[in-house]
Amino acid sequence: MSKLKRKNNNFHIRYRQYIKNSIDHNTKNNIINAAKQDVEYDKRLRKHLPEYENTNQTMIGSYLFTLLYQARNDSENYMSNRLNMLKSIHSFVEENRAWYDLWKTFTILESNLHKNNFFPDRQLSSEIHDAIRLYMKYPKWIVGLKSNETAFIDTPNFYVTSKLLNFLEGNKSVGRKKSIEQQIIQFQTMEILTYHVYSYGLYSESTLDLLPSNGLKYKDINNYNLPRKIAEYEAFSDLINNKRQYTMNPSGVVIDCFNCGDIDQITLVEKEGYLLWKVRFSKDGYLMNHKGDLVEDHRGAEFSGYFTPQLIPRSTLSEHIDYLDFEMKIYEFILECYAEIVCGSDAINSQIDRDMLNVGAMKMKEDNEELDGRLGLRFITRNTYKKVRDSSSNKKDYENEVNKYYVSGHIRKLPENHNPSKEATISALEYGVELPNGYTFVKPYESGEEKLRTRLVKTI
C-alpha cells in the first residue's frame, strides 16, 4: 500500500471519528440545554405535534418529537437511543424516497411554532443535521432536490479538509495566520451545512445558482457600506402583507443596484410561498481552493437566504449571532426591493418617506449625473439576466447587452385638453419622472420577454 493511500485512509478514519465525537457532543449538549428550559419550553414542545400532509411526514415528525421529548424528559433513553433513532430517520427517508417530506416536516413544524409565537429550538436542526451527516459520503452534502423524491448531492463550497481536521484535533500548531484561516473555514462550513438542512427543499437544478458561490469575509462585515435605512423590518413586512397587489415573474427577478453602498446585485425567486434571495457585494469574498486553503474571490462576496411565507428570515449567517445588525439591514433592503415589485412604488411612498430612483429606463450608469446621489434600482427578469450574463465578458458588455432587451421609458405629449391617467402618473413616479402638464408616461418594457409583474392579485 502506498504512503499516499495510507495517508488518505487515515484521514477518512479520523474524519469518521470526528463526526462521531461531534454527534456525541451534540447529544450531551442537547440534554444540557433541554434541562435548562423553563415551563414555556414544555408549551413549545407540544406545538411539535401538528397535523402533517401525509404518512411519511407523520412518521418523520414522530421520530423528531420523540428525540425532543426524551432530551427534556427522559435523558437516559435519549443518550442511549439517539444514534439508533437518527439511523431510523435516515433509513426511512432513503427507503421511502422521502427527502422532500423530511424538509416539509421541518417547515410544517416551523410554521406551526411561528403561528404560536415560538421559534424552532436549535435541537431540531441538530437532529436533522446529524441524521444526514452520519451517512452522507464525504465530502458530499444535500444541497437541493432533483425532484420531490431524489436528493441533489454535491460538494459544498466549504467542508472539513485534512488541514481543518488537524486544526480541530489540535495535534500540532498551524501558526496564527493559518489558525485564523482554519477558523473561518470551520465557521463557514458549519453555517452553510446548517443552512442547507433548513433550506434544501427550496433548491433545485434551476435555483442552485441562488446559493452563495463563496463566503463572506467576517473582518469586513462591520465595514460594509449598506443602503440608507428608511424603515424597520416590521414596517416592510406589514406593508407587503397588507398592500400586495401583484405576483412576481415566476422565473425570478435580478436587481442591479446603484448608489447602494457595497450591494451590487440582488436576485429574488418565489418558490412554494418562500422568497429565495441572494445578495452580491462589490467587496471580495472567500473561496476554498482544491488544496483546502482560503483564497480571495474577486467576483464579489455573496450572501444567501430566504423569507418564509410569514416573512420570517433565515440566511447562511442565521447561526452566527455576532452579525445580527448586518443581517437585519440586508433583510430590510431586500424587502423594500420586493415591495417595489409586489406592491408598487406608490404603495411604499404613501407610507414611507424615501428618495429612490427606479432605473427601469435602462439608460443609467453608475456615474450618471441623473442619479445625483440617489439610490437606484434596475429590475431585470431572471431569464433576461441569464441571457445577458452568458453573452457578456465584462461590465461594459453587460450594460450594452442589457440595453438590447429594453425599450426605454419616455414621456409623450398628449392632444390638447387631454390629461394623463392616474395609472400613467403613478407609473411615472415609480420611474423617477414628474410629468409636466399635457404629457403622459410610456413605461419601459422588455422586448419579447415576460413582465416583472405577471398579474394582479385579487384583493378581498
Protein backbone atom coordinates (compact mmCIF):
# COMPACT_ATOMS: atom_id res chain seq x y z
CA MET A 1 0.00 0.00 0.00
CA SER A 2 1.44 3.40 -0.99
CA LYS A 3 2.18 6.14 1.54
CA LEU A 4 -0.43 8.38 -0.15
CA LYS A 5 -3.14 5.73 0.12
CA ARG A 6 -2.30 5.08 3.80
CA LYS A 7 -2.45 8.84 4.41
CA ASN A 8 -5.87 9.15 2.71
CA ASN A 9 -7.26 6.15 4.57
CA ASN A 10 -6.02 7.61 7.83
CA PHE A 11 -7.81 10.88 7.12
CA HIS A 12 -11.14 9.14 6.49
CA ILE A 13 -10.81 7.12 9.71
CA ARG A 14 -10.03 10.33 11.61
CA TYR A 15 -12.89 12.12 9.87
CA ARG A 16 -15.41 9.45 10.88
CA GLN A 17 -14.11 9.68 14.45
CA TYR A 18 -14.50 13.47 14.31
CA ILE A 19 -18.14 13.04 13.18
CA LYS A 20 -18.79 10.54 15.98
CA ASN A 21 -17.25 12.87 18.59
CA SER A 22 -19.20 15.83 17.24
CA ILE A 23 -22.50 13.92 17.37
CA ASP A 24 -21.72 12.68 20.90
CA HIS A 25 -21.09 16.30 21.87
CA ASN A 26 -24.45 17.32 20.37
CA THR A 27 -26.20 14.54 22.31
CA LYS A 28 -24.80 15.78 25.63
CA ASN A 29 -25.33 19.42 24.69
CA ASN A 30 -28.99 18.82 23.74
CA ILE A 31 -29.64 17.22 27.15
CA ILE A 32 -27.94 20.10 28.99
CA ASN A 33 -29.85 22.76 27.04
CA ALA A 34 -33.19 20.96 27.43
CA ALA A 35 -32.67 20.72 31.20
CA LYS A 36 -32.13 24.50 31.39
CA GLN A 37 -35.51 25.28 29.81
CA ASP A 38 -38.47 26.57 31.80
CA VAL A 39 -42.18 25.75 31.66
CA GLU A 40 -42.52 27.76 28.41
CA TYR A 41 -40.40 25.12 26.71
CA ASP A 42 -42.92 22.42 27.63
CA LYS A 43 -45.65 24.51 25.99
CA ARG A 44 -43.47 24.89 22.91
CA LEU A 45 -42.78 21.16 22.88
CA ARG A 46 -46.50 20.42 22.49
CA LYS A 47 -46.52 22.58 19.34
CA HIS A 48 -44.28 19.95 17.71
CA LEU A 49 -47.35 17.78 17.14
CA PRO A 50 -49.11 19.42 14.19
CA GLU A 51 -51.17 17.74 11.50
CA TYR A 52 -48.98 16.63 8.62
CA GLU A 53 -49.81 16.25 4.94
CA ASN A 54 -49.05 12.55 4.58
CA THR A 55 -47.87 9.38 6.32
CA ASN A 56 -44.17 9.96 5.56
CA GLN A 57 -44.21 13.34 7.25
CA THR A 58 -46.18 11.97 10.21
CA MET A 59 -43.60 9.22 10.70
CA ILE A 60 -40.62 11.62 10.45
CA GLY A 61 -42.38 14.07 12.76
CA SER A 62 -42.91 11.28 15.29
CA TYR A 63 -39.20 10.43 15.30
CA LEU A 64 -38.24 14.08 15.77
CA PHE A 65 -40.78 14.66 18.53
CA THR A 66 -39.54 11.58 20.39
CA LEU A 67 -35.99 12.96 20.31
CA LEU A 68 -37.12 16.39 21.51
CA TYR A 69 -39.26 14.88 24.27
CA GLN A 70 -36.60 12.46 25.51
CA ALA A 71 -33.87 15.11 25.68
CA ARG A 72 -36.13 17.06 28.03
CA ASN A 73 -37.93 14.31 29.98
CA ASP A 74 -36.01 11.04 29.58
CA SER A 75 -32.33 11.88 29.17
CA GLU A 76 -31.10 8.35 29.89
CA ASN A 77 -33.06 6.89 26.98
CA TYR A 78 -32.11 9.85 24.79
CA MET A 79 -28.42 9.25 25.47
CA SER A 80 -28.60 5.52 24.69
CA ASN A 81 -31.12 5.57 21.81
CA ARG A 82 -30.32 8.76 19.86
CA LEU A 83 -27.94 7.16 17.33
CA ASN A 84 -30.42 4.39 16.54
CA MET A 85 -33.20 6.95 16.16
CA LEU A 86 -31.08 9.06 13.77
CA LYS A 87 -30.32 5.91 11.77
CA SER A 88 -34.05 5.14 11.64
CA ILE A 89 -34.82 8.62 10.28
CA HIS A 90 -32.17 8.35 7.56
CA SER A 91 -33.16 4.78 6.62
CA PHE A 92 -36.84 5.74 6.45
CA VAL A 93 -36.08 8.75 4.22
CA GLU A 94 -33.87 6.71 1.89
CA GLU A 95 -36.19 3.71 1.62
CA ASN A 96 -39.28 5.82 1.03
CA ARG A 97 -37.59 8.44 -1.18
CA ALA A 98 -38.86 10.96 1.35
CA TRP A 99 -36.24 13.74 1.16
CA TYR A 100 -38.92 16.26 0.31
CA ASP A 101 -41.04 15.03 3.20
CA LEU A 102 -38.08 15.42 5.60
CA TRP A 103 -37.73 19.09 4.59
CA LYS A 104 -41.50 19.59 4.57
CA THR A 105 -41.77 18.15 8.08
CA PHE A 106 -39.39 20.82 9.33
CA THR A 107 -41.25 23.63 7.52
CA ILE A 108 -44.61 22.49 8.94
CA LEU A 109 -43.11 22.42 12.44
CA GLU A 110 -41.54 25.84 11.89
CA SER A 111 -44.79 27.31 10.59
CA ASN A 112 -46.80 25.87 13.48
CA LEU A 113 -44.34 27.30 16.00
CA HIS A 114 -44.35 30.74 14.35
CA LYS A 115 -48.15 30.72 14.43
CA ASN A 116 -47.94 30.33 18.19
CA ASN A 117 -45.16 32.94 18.58
CA PHE A 118 -42.41 30.36 19.11
CA PHE A 119 -39.20 29.70 17.21
CA PRO A 120 -37.76 26.25 16.42
CA ASP A 121 -35.31 25.05 19.05
CA ARG A 122 -31.74 24.52 17.87
CA GLN A 123 -32.05 20.85 18.85
CA LEU A 124 -34.45 20.34 15.93
CA SER A 125 -31.84 21.32 13.35
CA SER A 126 -29.13 19.34 15.16
CA GLU A 127 -31.23 16.16 14.90
CA ILE A 128 -31.76 16.57 11.13
CA HIS A 129 -28.17 17.70 10.57
CA ASP A 130 -26.73 14.70 12.45
CA ALA A 131 -29.10 12.23 10.75
CA ILE A 132 -27.82 13.44 7.39
CA ARG A 133 -24.09 13.62 8.10
CA LEU A 134 -23.96 10.20 9.78
CA TYR A 135 -24.50 8.57 6.39
CA MET A 136 -23.53 11.19 3.79
CA LYS A 137 -20.48 10.17 1.75
CA TYR A 138 -17.59 12.59 2.33
CA PRO A 139 -17.42 15.42 1.28
CA LYS A 140 -20.84 15.43 -0.39
CA TRP A 141 -23.89 17.12 1.09
CA ILE A 142 -27.54 17.59 0.19
CA VAL A 143 -27.99 20.98 -1.48
CA GLY A 144 -31.37 20.58 -3.16
CA LEU A 145 -33.90 18.23 -4.71
CA LYS A 146 -33.86 16.88 -8.26
CA SER A 147 -37.50 16.00 -7.72
CA ASN A 148 -39.67 15.71 -4.65
CA GLU A 149 -38.12 12.30 -4.09
CA THR A 150 -34.45 12.44 -5.06
CA ALA A 151 -31.76 14.39 -3.22
CA PHE A 152 -29.38 16.62 -5.17
CA ILE A 153 -25.96 15.77 -3.72
CA ASP A 154 -22.93 17.99 -4.32
CA THR A 155 -19.68 19.10 -2.70
CA PRO A 156 -20.35 22.28 -0.68
CA ASN A 157 -18.08 25.31 -1.03
CA PHE A 158 -16.70 24.75 2.48
CA TYR A 159 -16.16 21.37 4.12
CA VAL A 160 -13.86 19.59 6.57
CA THR A 161 -10.45 19.12 4.95
CA SER A 162 -7.35 17.35 6.27
CA LYS A 163 -5.91 20.75 7.28
CA LEU A 164 -9.10 21.73 9.10
CA LEU A 165 -9.20 18.36 10.86
CA ASN A 166 -5.58 18.87 12.03
CA PHE A 167 -6.66 22.24 13.43
CA LEU A 168 -9.77 20.84 15.15
CA GLU A 169 -7.82 17.96 16.69
CA GLY A 170 -5.17 20.42 17.88
CA ASN A 171 -2.43 17.87 17.39
CA LYS A 172 0.04 20.43 16.13
CA SER A 173 0.42 24.20 15.87
CA VAL A 174 -0.57 25.61 12.48
CA GLY A 175 0.57 29.19 13.13
CA ARG A 176 -1.53 32.28 13.85
CA LYS A 177 -2.34 33.12 10.21
CA LYS A 178 -3.32 29.54 9.35
CA SER A 179 -5.26 29.27 12.59
CA ILE A 180 -7.43 32.26 11.63
CA GLU A 181 -7.93 30.77 8.15
CA GLN A 182 -8.99 27.40 9.54
CA GLN A 183 -11.41 29.06 11.97
CA ILE A 184 -13.08 30.84 9.04
CA ILE A 185 -13.37 27.57 7.10
CA GLN A 186 -14.77 25.87 10.21
CA PHE A 187 -17.45 28.53 10.78
CA GLN A 188 -18.43 28.82 7.13
CA THR A 189 -18.63 25.01 6.84
CA MET A 190 -20.92 24.89 9.87
CA GLU A 191 -23.09 27.74 8.59
CA ILE A 192 -23.54 26.54 5.01
CA LEU A 193 -24.33 22.93 6.06
CA THR A 194 -26.79 24.08 8.72
CA TYR A 195 -28.46 26.42 6.22
CA HIS A 196 -28.87 23.52 3.77
CA VAL A 197 -30.62 21.49 6.48
CA TYR A 198 -33.29 24.20 6.69
CA SER A 199 -33.47 25.09 3.02
CA TYR A 200 -32.52 22.23 0.68
CA GLY A 201 -36.18 21.61 -0.22
CA LEU A 202 -36.30 25.09 -1.81
CA TYR A 203 -33.40 24.49 -4.20
CA SER A 204 -33.40 22.54 -7.44
CA GLU A 205 -31.27 22.50 -10.58
CA SER A 206 -32.99 25.71 -11.71
CA THR A 207 -32.30 27.60 -8.46
CA LEU A 208 -28.91 26.26 -7.31
CA ASP A 209 -27.37 29.49 -8.62
CA LEU A 210 -29.08 31.26 -5.70
CA LEU A 211 -26.75 29.52 -3.26
CA PRO A 212 -23.56 31.50 -2.48
CA SER A 213 -20.57 30.57 -4.62
CA ASN A 214 -18.20 31.89 -1.96
CA GLY A 215 -18.05 33.04 1.66
CA LEU A 216 -18.16 36.38 3.44
CA LYS A 217 -15.07 37.92 4.97
CA TYR A 218 -16.03 38.28 8.61
CA LYS A 219 -13.45 41.00 9.24
CA ASP A 220 -15.12 43.14 6.56
CA ILE A 221 -18.75 42.69 7.62
CA ASN A 222 -18.86 45.56 10.11
CA ASN A 223 -17.30 47.83 7.47
CA TYR A 224 -19.81 47.11 4.72
CA ASN A 225 -21.38 50.29 3.38
CA LEU A 226 -25.10 49.46 3.22
CA PRO A 227 -28.02 51.46 1.71
CA ARG A 228 -29.79 54.09 3.76
CA LYS A 229 -32.34 52.78 6.24
CA ILE A 230 -35.83 54.20 5.76
CA ALA A 231 -37.97 51.89 7.90
CA GLU A 232 -37.84 48.99 10.34
CA TYR A 233 -38.19 45.39 9.18
CA GLU A 234 -41.73 45.15 10.58
CA ALA A 235 -42.86 48.18 8.53
CA PHE A 236 -41.90 46.45 5.28
CA SER A 237 -43.35 43.06 6.25
CA ASP A 238 -46.64 44.74 7.26
CA LEU A 239 -46.68 46.70 4.00
CA ILE A 240 -46.19 43.56 1.90
CA ASN A 241 -48.78 41.57 3.83
CA ASN A 242 -51.40 44.35 3.63
CA LYS A 243 -50.69 46.10 0.30
CA ARG A 244 -49.54 43.30 -2.01
CA GLN A 245 -51.06 43.85 -5.48
CA TYR A 246 -49.00 41.75 -7.89
CA THR A 247 -47.26 38.42 -8.27
CA MET A 248 -43.61 38.30 -9.27
CA ASN A 249 -42.32 36.86 -12.53
CA PRO A 250 -42.17 33.06 -11.96
CA SER A 251 -38.58 32.84 -13.24
CA GLY A 252 -37.48 35.46 -10.70
CA VAL A 253 -36.06 38.97 -10.86
CA VAL A 254 -32.49 40.28 -10.79
CA ILE A 255 -31.98 43.79 -9.40
CA ASP A 256 -28.91 45.82 -10.33
CA CYS A 257 -28.22 48.32 -7.56
CA PHE A 258 -26.76 51.80 -8.00
CA ASN A 259 -25.54 54.02 -5.13
CA CYS A 260 -26.45 51.19 -2.74
CA GLY A 261 -23.15 51.08 -0.88
CA ASP A 262 -21.39 47.75 -1.28
CA ILE A 263 -24.53 45.94 -2.52
CA ASP A 264 -24.09 45.29 -6.22
CA GLN A 265 -26.96 42.98 -7.10
CA ILE A 266 -29.94 41.13 -5.60
CA THR A 267 -31.69 38.07 -7.05
CA LEU A 268 -35.24 37.16 -5.96
CA VAL A 269 -37.20 33.98 -6.73
CA GLU A 270 -40.50 32.82 -5.21
CA LYS A 271 -40.98 29.10 -4.58
CA GLU A 272 -43.71 27.35 -2.57
CA GLY A 273 -44.61 30.68 -0.94
CA TYR A 274 -40.99 31.26 0.13
CA LEU A 275 -38.92 34.18 -1.15
CA LEU A 276 -35.42 32.98 -2.02
CA TRP A 277 -32.75 35.66 -2.36
CA LYS A 278 -29.06 36.15 -2.99
CA VAL A 279 -27.13 39.38 -2.44
CA ARG A 280 -23.86 40.00 -4.28
CA PHE A 281 -21.49 42.60 -2.88
CA SER A 282 -18.74 44.57 -4.60
CA LYS A 283 -16.28 43.50 -1.87
CA ASP A 284 -14.22 40.34 -2.38
CA GLY A 285 -15.41 37.06 -0.93
CA TYR A 286 -13.58 33.89 0.15
CA LEU A 287 -13.13 30.63 -1.74
CA MET A 288 -11.67 27.35 -0.58
CA ASN A 289 -9.33 26.07 -3.30
CA HIS A 290 -8.53 22.45 -4.20
CA LYS A 291 -5.77 22.42 -1.57
CA GLY A 292 -8.17 23.41 1.19
CA ASP A 293 -6.66 26.89 1.52
CA LEU A 294 -8.65 30.11 1.77
CA VAL A 295 -8.24 32.46 -1.21
CA GLU A 296 -9.94 35.70 -2.26
CA ASP A 297 -12.76 35.62 -4.81
CA HIS A 298 -12.73 38.88 -6.78
CA ARG A 299 -16.20 38.28 -8.27
CA GLY A 300 -17.67 39.70 -5.07
CA ALA A 301 -18.86 38.18 -1.79
CA GLU A 302 -22.30 36.54 -1.82
CA PHE A 303 -24.91 36.11 0.90
CA SER A 304 -27.99 33.88 0.55
CA GLY A 305 -31.18 33.14 2.43
CA TYR A 306 -34.96 33.14 2.28
CA PHE A 307 -38.13 34.52 3.84
CA THR A 308 -40.84 32.09 4.93
CA PRO A 309 -44.45 32.70 3.77
CA GLN A 310 -44.83 34.59 7.08
CA LEU A 311 -41.77 36.70 6.06
CA ILE A 312 -39.58 35.22 8.81
CA PRO A 313 -35.96 35.49 7.58
CA ARG A 314 -33.25 32.86 7.53
CA SER A 315 -29.80 33.04 5.99
CA THR A 316 -26.36 31.41 5.91
CA LEU A 317 -25.49 33.77 8.79
CA SER A 318 -28.50 32.86 10.96
CA GLU A 319 -26.38 30.71 13.27
CA HIS A 320 -23.79 33.49 13.67
CA ILE A 321 -25.37 35.94 16.13
CA ASP A 322 -22.37 38.31 16.02
CA TYR A 323 -23.67 39.98 12.85
CA LEU A 324 -27.37 40.39 13.62
CA ASP A 325 -27.37 44.13 12.85
CA PHE A 326 -25.81 43.47 9.42
CA GLU A 327 -28.39 40.78 8.70
CA MET A 328 -31.37 42.96 9.65
CA LYS A 329 -30.24 45.86 7.44
CA ILE A 330 -29.89 43.48 4.49
CA TYR A 331 -33.32 41.96 5.18
CA GLU A 332 -34.93 45.41 5.28
CA PHE A 333 -33.42 46.41 1.94
CA ILE A 334 -34.41 43.10 0.30
CA LEU A 335 -38.00 43.57 1.49
CA GLU A 336 -38.01 47.13 0.12
CA CYS A 337 -36.93 45.78 -3.30
CA TYR A 338 -39.53 43.01 -3.12
CA ALA A 339 -42.23 45.52 -2.15
CA GLU A 340 -41.32 47.54 -5.27
CA ILE A 341 -42.41 44.56 -7.36
CA VAL A 342 -45.41 43.16 -5.49
CA CYS A 343 -46.79 46.40 -4.03
CA GLY A 344 -45.52 49.14 -6.36
CA SER A 345 -43.63 52.31 -5.52
CA ASP A 346 -46.81 54.28 -4.91
CA ALA A 347 -47.80 51.98 -2.03
CA ILE A 348 -44.35 52.34 -0.45
CA ASN A 349 -44.12 56.10 -0.96
CA SER A 350 -47.56 56.67 0.55
CA GLN A 351 -46.42 55.10 3.82
CA ILE A 352 -42.65 55.62 3.92
CA ASP A 353 -40.73 58.80 3.12
CA ARG A 354 -37.86 57.91 0.81
CA ASP A 355 -35.75 59.13 -2.07
CA MET A 356 -35.28 56.44 -4.69
CA LEU A 357 -34.91 56.33 -8.44
CA ASN A 358 -36.11 53.32 -10.41
CA VAL A 359 -33.74 52.96 -13.36
CA GLY A 360 -36.11 50.87 -15.40
CA ALA A 361 -35.41 53.01 -18.46
CA MET A 362 -32.08 51.12 -18.60
CA LYS A 363 -30.04 54.13 -19.68
CA MET A 364 -28.49 54.69 -16.28
CA LYS A 365 -24.85 54.12 -15.48
CA GLU A 366 -23.28 54.29 -12.03
CA ASP A 367 -21.59 57.60 -12.90
CA ASN A 368 -24.70 59.08 -14.49
CA GLU A 369 -25.43 62.54 -13.09
CA GLU A 370 -29.18 61.82 -13.11
CA LEU A 371 -28.74 59.65 -10.04
CA ASP A 372 -27.40 62.66 -8.15
CA GLY A 373 -26.58 60.56 -5.08
CA ARG A 374 -29.98 58.88 -5.02
CA LEU A 375 -30.35 55.16 -4.62
CA GLY A 376 -31.28 53.49 -7.91
CA LEU A 377 -32.64 50.06 -8.83
CA ARG A 378 -32.84 48.36 -12.22
CA PHE A 379 -35.17 45.36 -12.42
CA ILE A 380 -34.47 42.58 -14.94
CA THR A 381 -36.31 39.29 -15.31
CA ARG A 382 -34.02 36.42 -14.36
CA ASN A 383 -34.40 34.80 -17.79
CA THR A 384 -33.20 38.03 -19.41
CA TYR A 385 -30.36 38.34 -16.93
CA LYS A 386 -29.11 34.83 -17.76
CA LYS A 387 -29.04 35.67 -21.48
CA VAL A 388 -27.21 38.93 -20.82
CA ARG A 389 -24.74 37.32 -18.41
CA ASP A 390 -23.93 34.46 -20.78
CA SER A 391 -23.14 36.84 -23.64
CA SER A 392 -21.08 39.34 -21.59
CA SER A 393 -17.40 39.11 -20.71
CA ASN A 394 -17.14 42.31 -18.67
CA LYS A 395 -19.25 45.08 -17.10
CA LYS A 396 -19.31 47.24 -20.23
CA ASP A 397 -20.52 44.31 -22.35
CA TYR A 398 -23.12 43.57 -19.68
CA GLU A 399 -24.52 47.13 -19.87
CA ASN A 400 -24.62 47.03 -23.69
CA GLU A 401 -26.35 43.64 -23.71
CA VAL A 402 -28.93 44.75 -21.13
CA ASN A 403 -29.91 47.70 -23.31
CA LYS A 404 -30.70 45.38 -26.23
CA TYR A 405 -33.59 43.85 -24.30
CA TYR A 406 -35.32 47.07 -23.31
CA VAL A 407 -37.32 49.86 -24.88
CA SER A 408 -36.67 52.96 -22.80
CA GLY A 409 -39.38 54.63 -20.78
CA HIS A 410 -40.32 58.08 -22.06
CA ILE A 411 -42.86 60.90 -21.76
CA ARG A 412 -45.27 61.58 -24.63
CA LYS A 413 -47.18 64.77 -25.42
CA LEU A 414 -50.96 64.42 -25.23
CA PRO A 415 -53.54 66.07 -27.52
CA GLU A 416 -54.83 69.43 -26.33
CA ASN A 417 -57.20 69.31 -23.31
CA HIS A 418 -56.17 65.68 -22.50
CA ASN A 419 -54.71 64.67 -19.16
CA PRO A 420 -52.63 61.62 -18.20
CA SER A 421 -54.41 58.75 -16.48
CA LYS A 422 -53.85 58.12 -12.79
CA GLU A 423 -52.01 54.92 -13.70
CA ALA A 424 -49.62 56.80 -16.01
CA THR A 425 -48.91 59.39 -13.30
CA ILE A 426 -48.18 56.68 -10.74
CA SER A 427 -46.01 54.78 -13.25
CA ALA A 428 -44.01 57.92 -13.98
CA LEU A 429 -43.36 58.44 -10.28
CA GLU A 430 -42.21 54.83 -9.99
CA TYR A 431 -39.56 55.58 -12.61
CA GLY A 432 -38.48 58.86 -11.04
CA VAL A 433 -40.33 61.07 -13.55
CA GLU A 434 -42.53 64.01 -12.58
CA LEU A 435 -44.91 64.56 -15.51
CA PRO A 436 -45.16 68.08 -16.98
CA ASN A 437 -48.64 69.37 -17.83
CA GLY A 438 -50.05 67.86 -21.02
CA TYR A 439 -47.80 64.77 -21.04
CA THR A 440 -48.26 61.10 -20.25
CA PHE A 441 -45.72 58.39 -19.47
CA VAL A 442 -44.92 55.28 -21.51
CA LYS A 443 -43.41 52.60 -19.29
CA PRO A 444 -40.15 50.90 -20.30
CA TYR A 445 -40.67 47.33 -21.34
CA GLU A 446 -38.71 44.27 -22.33
CA SER A 447 -38.98 43.26 -25.95
CA GLY A 448 -40.21 39.70 -26.26
CA GLU A 449 -39.92 38.93 -22.53
CA GLU A 450 -42.30 38.34 -19.66
CA LYS A 451 -43.08 41.26 -17.41
CA LEU A 452 -41.59 41.60 -13.95
CA ARG A 453 -45.14 41.61 -12.64
CA THR A 454 -47.19 38.83 -14.11
CA ARG A 455 -50.72 39.50 -12.91
CA LEU A 456 -52.81 41.49 -10.48
CA VAL A 457 -53.52 39.81 -7.16
CA LYS A 458 -57.23 39.89 -6.30
CA THR A 459 -57.89 41.63 -3.03
CA ILE A 460 -60.95 40.74 -0.98
